[in-house]
Amino acid sequence: MRPSTVFIYGLGITLLAFLSRDFTSLLILSVINGSIGLYLGLRRGLKFFILLFFIGLIGVFINALLFANYGEPIIIFDGFVLREMFISSFILVALRLFSILGAALIFTSLVNTREFIRSLEAELYLPKDIAFATSIGIRMLNILSRDSEEIRHIRVMRGKSRYPLTPSSFLSYLRPLLSLSIERARWIGIAAEMRGFGRRKRSVRKGRLDRLDMILIILFLIQIIIIVAISLGLT
C-alpha cells in the first residue's frame, strides 16, 4: 500500500472527526477506524500508545465535569450528580478522539517511516524543504524519547522525583531536553548543507494504485457518503 494513500486516508478521517457534530456520525467513524486501528496497533506492539489514549480520557472526563455538567440530572450517586450536557459532551469528545486514534494507528501500523518520507516529495509533491523537515521530525521522536528517559534517570540519581510534578521541576526537565534538540537540529542542518542538500533536485515518482489502495479509498468514500447522508437527514 502506498504511504501517500494511507496518509491521505488518516488526514481525511481526522478532518471528518473534527467536522462531525452528531453522535451517529462520530459513532460510525469510531467503530470503523477505532476497531481497525486497535487491531493493527496491538499486532504492531503499540500497547503503550493505546494506553496513553485511555489515560487521556481521564482528563476529558474531568474537563467535561468542570465545564459542561449542566442540564437535566441523569445519574445521581451519593450526592454526586452527572447531568445531560456532561454525558453528551464527554461521549462526543471521546468518540472524536477514538476516531483520530484509529486513523493514527492505521497510519503507524501500515506505513514504513522511510517510505513515507520518500512519498512526501515523490508522490505528494511537497517542497523538498518541507519533506526534509518532516522526515527529521519523525526520526527525532525516538531520539527525544531516549533523551527523556536519560533525563529522568539523572533526576533519580540526583535524589529528585523521576517525573516532574511541580512547575520548577518541569522546567528543570524541559530545559535540557530543548537544549539537546536545538543543538541536534543545528548540526543536522549543517550536515545536510555540506552534503549538497540545497542543490538536490526534487524526485518525482509515479505509479498505479494497488488493490489495497483502492480498498482504502473506497472505505474512505463510503464513510464520507454515510456522514453526508446523515447530516442532510439531520438538517
Protein backbone atom coordinates (compact mmCIF):
# COMPACT_ATOMS: atom_id res chain seq x y z
CA MET A 1 0.00 0.00 0.00
CA ARG A 2 1.33 3.42 -0.96
CA PRO A 3 2.25 5.59 2.04
CA SER A 4 0.61 8.61 0.43
CA THR A 5 -2.73 6.78 0.25
CA VAL A 6 -2.63 5.86 3.94
CA PHE A 7 -1.55 9.40 4.85
CA ILE A 8 -4.43 10.97 2.92
CA TYR A 9 -6.84 8.47 4.48
CA GLY A 10 -5.64 9.28 8.01
CA LEU A 11 -5.78 13.00 7.35
CA GLY A 12 -9.26 12.71 5.84
CA ILE A 13 -10.61 10.71 8.79
CA THR A 14 -9.17 13.28 11.19
CA LEU A 15 -10.91 16.10 9.32
CA LEU A 16 -14.20 14.17 9.28
CA ALA A 17 -13.92 13.60 13.03
CA PHE A 18 -13.43 17.32 13.65
CA LEU A 19 -16.23 18.35 11.31
CA SER A 20 -18.80 15.82 12.58
CA ARG A 21 -21.05 17.14 15.32
CA ASP A 22 -23.69 14.44 15.81
CA PHE A 23 -23.46 11.19 17.75
CA THR A 24 -24.26 8.84 14.86
CA SER A 25 -21.53 10.16 12.54
CA LEU A 26 -18.88 10.02 15.24
CA LEU A 27 -20.01 6.55 16.28
CA ILE A 28 -19.61 5.26 12.72
CA LEU A 29 -16.16 6.82 12.40
CA SER A 30 -15.01 5.47 15.75
CA VAL A 31 -16.35 1.95 15.19
CA ILE A 32 -14.80 1.58 11.74
CA ASN A 33 -11.46 3.26 12.31
CA GLY A 34 -11.11 2.56 16.02
CA SER A 35 -11.63 -1.19 15.62
CA ILE A 36 -9.26 -1.45 12.65
CA GLY A 37 -6.69 0.77 14.35
CA LEU A 38 -6.78 -1.17 17.62
CA TYR A 39 -6.39 -4.47 15.80
CA LEU A 40 -3.41 -3.26 13.78
CA GLY A 41 -1.90 -1.36 16.71
CA LEU A 42 -1.99 -4.37 19.03
CA ARG A 43 -0.40 -6.52 16.36
CA ARG A 44 2.39 -3.97 15.95
CA GLY A 45 3.01 -3.73 19.67
CA LEU A 46 1.64 -0.20 20.17
CA LYS A 47 0.04 -1.05 23.51
CA PHE A 48 1.69 1.87 25.34
CA PHE A 49 0.36 4.35 22.76
CA ILE A 50 -3.15 2.92 23.17
CA LEU A 51 -2.83 3.03 26.96
CA LEU A 52 -1.91 6.73 26.83
CA PHE A 53 -5.12 7.42 24.94
CA PHE A 54 -7.30 5.84 27.63
CA ILE A 55 -5.35 7.67 30.33
CA GLY A 56 -6.01 10.90 28.42
CA LEU A 57 -9.75 10.20 28.61
CA ILE A 58 -9.49 10.85 32.34
CA GLY A 59 -8.57 14.45 31.52
CA VAL A 60 -11.50 14.67 29.11
CA PHE A 61 -13.80 13.37 31.85
CA ILE A 62 -12.57 15.94 34.38
CA ASN A 63 -12.78 18.77 31.84
CA ALA A 64 -16.38 17.89 30.94
CA LEU A 65 -17.24 17.56 34.61
CA LEU A 66 -15.92 21.04 35.40
CA PHE A 67 -17.23 22.95 32.38
CA ALA A 68 -20.20 21.04 30.93
CA ASN A 69 -22.03 19.50 33.88
CA TYR A 70 -25.37 21.22 33.47
CA GLY A 71 -28.83 20.34 32.20
CA GLU A 72 -31.18 17.61 33.39
CA PRO A 73 -29.76 15.21 36.02
CA ILE A 74 -29.07 11.77 34.54
CA ILE A 75 -27.03 9.94 37.16
CA ILE A 76 -27.21 10.68 40.91
CA PHE A 77 -24.83 8.76 43.13
CA ASP A 78 -24.31 9.62 46.81
CA GLY A 79 -24.93 13.34 46.21
CA PHE A 80 -22.81 13.36 43.04
CA VAL A 81 -24.86 14.46 40.02
CA LEU A 82 -23.96 13.85 36.39
CA ARG A 83 -26.08 15.96 34.09
CA GLU A 84 -27.19 15.71 30.48
CA MET A 85 -24.66 18.03 28.84
CA PHE A 86 -21.76 16.41 30.70
CA ILE A 87 -22.61 12.95 29.39
CA SER A 88 -23.24 14.10 25.82
CA SER A 89 -20.09 16.26 25.73
CA PHE A 90 -17.88 13.52 27.14
CA ILE A 91 -19.23 10.88 24.74
CA LEU A 92 -18.87 13.12 21.67
CA VAL A 93 -15.30 14.13 22.51
CA ALA A 94 -14.34 10.54 23.37
CA LEU A 95 -15.75 9.24 20.07
CA ARG A 96 -13.98 12.01 18.14
CA LEU A 97 -10.65 11.23 19.78
CA PHE A 98 -11.15 7.49 19.32
CA SER A 99 -11.70 8.01 15.59
CA ILE A 100 -8.50 10.05 15.36
CA LEU A 101 -6.65 7.40 17.39
CA GLY A 102 -7.82 4.74 14.95
CA ALA A 103 -6.62 6.76 11.96
CA ALA A 104 -3.25 7.32 13.64
CA LEU A 105 -2.86 3.61 14.45
CA ILE A 106 -3.77 2.64 10.90
CA PHE A 107 -1.16 5.00 9.53
CA THR A 108 1.52 3.98 12.02
CA SER A 109 0.90 0.26 11.51
CA LEU A 110 0.76 0.22 7.72
CA VAL A 111 3.40 2.78 6.75
CA ASN A 112 7.14 2.44 6.93
CA THR A 113 8.69 5.71 8.07
CA ARG A 114 11.37 5.74 5.40
CA GLU A 115 8.89 5.05 2.60
CA PHE A 116 6.56 7.73 3.92
CA ILE A 117 9.35 10.29 3.90
CA ARG A 118 10.10 9.48 0.27
CA SER A 119 6.43 9.66 -0.68
CA LEU A 120 6.07 13.18 0.76
CA GLU A 121 8.26 14.51 -2.01
CA ALA A 122 7.85 11.91 -4.75
CA GLU A 123 4.07 11.31 -4.58
CA LEU A 124 2.56 14.23 -2.68
CA TYR A 125 4.84 16.78 -4.43
CA LEU A 126 5.75 18.62 -1.24
CA PRO A 127 8.73 21.01 -1.48
CA LYS A 128 11.94 19.27 -0.52
CA ASP A 129 12.49 21.63 2.44
CA ILE A 130 9.14 20.65 3.98
CA ALA A 131 9.69 16.97 3.25
CA PHE A 132 13.15 17.11 4.81
CA ALA A 133 11.92 18.93 7.93
CA THR A 134 9.06 16.43 8.33
CA SER A 135 11.39 13.47 7.95
CA ILE A 136 13.78 14.86 10.55
CA GLY A 137 10.90 15.49 12.94
CA ILE A 138 9.66 11.90 12.61
CA ARG A 139 13.12 10.45 13.08
CA MET A 140 13.76 12.67 16.08
CA LEU A 141 10.84 11.17 18.01
CA ASN A 142 12.82 8.09 19.03
CA ILE A 143 15.82 10.24 19.95
CA LEU A 144 13.65 12.54 22.07
CA SER A 145 12.19 9.52 23.81
CA ARG A 146 15.70 8.26 24.61
CA ASP A 147 16.83 11.70 25.83
CA SER A 148 13.74 11.97 28.00
CA GLU A 149 14.49 8.61 29.61
CA GLU A 150 18.10 9.66 30.29
CA ILE A 151 16.97 12.92 31.89
CA ARG A 152 14.55 11.06 34.15
CA HIS A 153 17.34 8.64 35.12
CA ILE A 154 19.64 11.57 36.01
CA ARG A 155 16.88 13.14 38.11
CA VAL A 156 16.59 9.93 40.14
CA MET A 157 20.38 9.82 40.62
CA ARG A 158 20.25 13.39 41.99
CA GLY A 159 17.57 12.47 44.50
CA LYS A 160 14.70 14.12 42.64
CA SER A 161 11.41 12.63 41.50
CA ARG A 162 11.54 10.65 38.29
CA TYR A 163 8.71 12.65 36.74
CA PRO A 164 8.29 16.44 37.11
CA LEU A 165 5.37 17.26 39.38
CA THR A 166 5.85 20.99 40.03
CA PRO A 167 6.44 23.95 37.66
CA SER A 168 10.07 24.31 38.78
CA SER A 169 10.83 20.60 38.33
CA PHE A 170 9.10 20.67 34.96
CA LEU A 171 11.40 23.49 33.82
CA SER A 172 14.46 21.59 35.03
CA TYR A 173 13.24 18.65 32.96
CA LEU A 174 12.33 20.67 29.88
CA ARG A 175 15.46 22.86 29.61
CA PRO A 176 18.00 20.07 28.88
CA LEU A 177 15.56 18.37 26.52
CA LEU A 178 15.08 21.56 24.46
CA SER A 179 18.79 22.34 24.56
CA LEU A 180 19.71 18.92 23.17
CA SER A 181 17.02 19.18 20.46
CA ILE A 182 18.14 22.64 19.30
CA GLU A 183 21.78 21.57 19.20
CA ARG A 184 20.96 18.47 17.15
CA ALA A 185 18.78 20.47 14.75
CA ARG A 186 21.60 22.95 14.14
CA TRP A 187 24.17 20.27 13.33
CA ILE A 188 21.71 18.31 11.20
CA GLY A 189 21.17 21.44 9.09
CA ILE A 190 24.92 21.99 8.76
CA ALA A 191 25.49 18.36 7.78
CA ALA A 192 22.69 18.49 5.19
CA GLU A 193 24.12 21.61 3.52
CA MET A 194 27.62 20.11 3.48
CA ARG A 195 26.18 17.16 1.57
CA GLY A 196 24.65 19.44 -1.05
CA PHE A 197 21.03 19.42 0.09
CA GLY A 198 20.42 22.90 -1.34
CA ARG A 199 21.38 21.74 -4.85
CA ARG A 200 19.47 18.46 -4.81
CA LYS A 201 16.59 18.23 -7.27
CA ARG A 202 13.19 17.03 -6.19
CA SER A 203 12.45 13.41 -7.03
CA VAL A 204 9.10 12.50 -8.57
CA ARG A 205 7.62 9.02 -8.58
CA LYS A 206 4.52 7.97 -10.45
CA GLY A 207 2.73 4.66 -10.22
CA ARG A 208 -0.63 2.99 -10.30
CA LEU A 209 -2.77 2.44 -7.26
CA ASP A 210 -2.68 -1.10 -5.91
CA ARG A 211 -5.77 -3.10 -4.99
CA LEU A 212 -5.25 -2.34 -1.29
CA ASP A 213 -5.03 1.37 -2.11
CA MET A 214 -8.35 1.18 -3.90
CA ILE A 215 -9.95 -0.66 -0.96
CA LEU A 216 -8.81 2.06 1.44
CA ILE A 217 -10.03 4.82 -0.88
CA ILE A 218 -13.42 3.12 -1.28
CA LEU A 219 -13.70 2.72 2.51
CA PHE A 220 -12.99 6.42 2.93
CA LEU A 221 -15.56 7.41 0.30
CA ILE A 222 -18.19 5.16 1.91
CA GLN A 223 -17.68 6.92 5.24
CA ILE A 224 -17.97 10.35 3.57
CA ILE A 225 -21.21 9.34 1.85
CA ILE A 226 -22.71 7.97 5.07
CA ILE A 227 -21.80 11.05 7.11
CA VAL A 228 -23.07 13.45 4.44
CA ALA A 229 -26.33 11.49 4.22
CA ILE A 230 -26.73 11.60 7.99
CA SER A 231 -26.00 15.33 8.07
CA LEU A 232 -28.55 16.05 5.36
CA GLY A 233 -31.09 13.90 7.15
CA LEU A 234 -30.48 15.72 10.43
CA THR A 235 -30.85 19.14 8.85
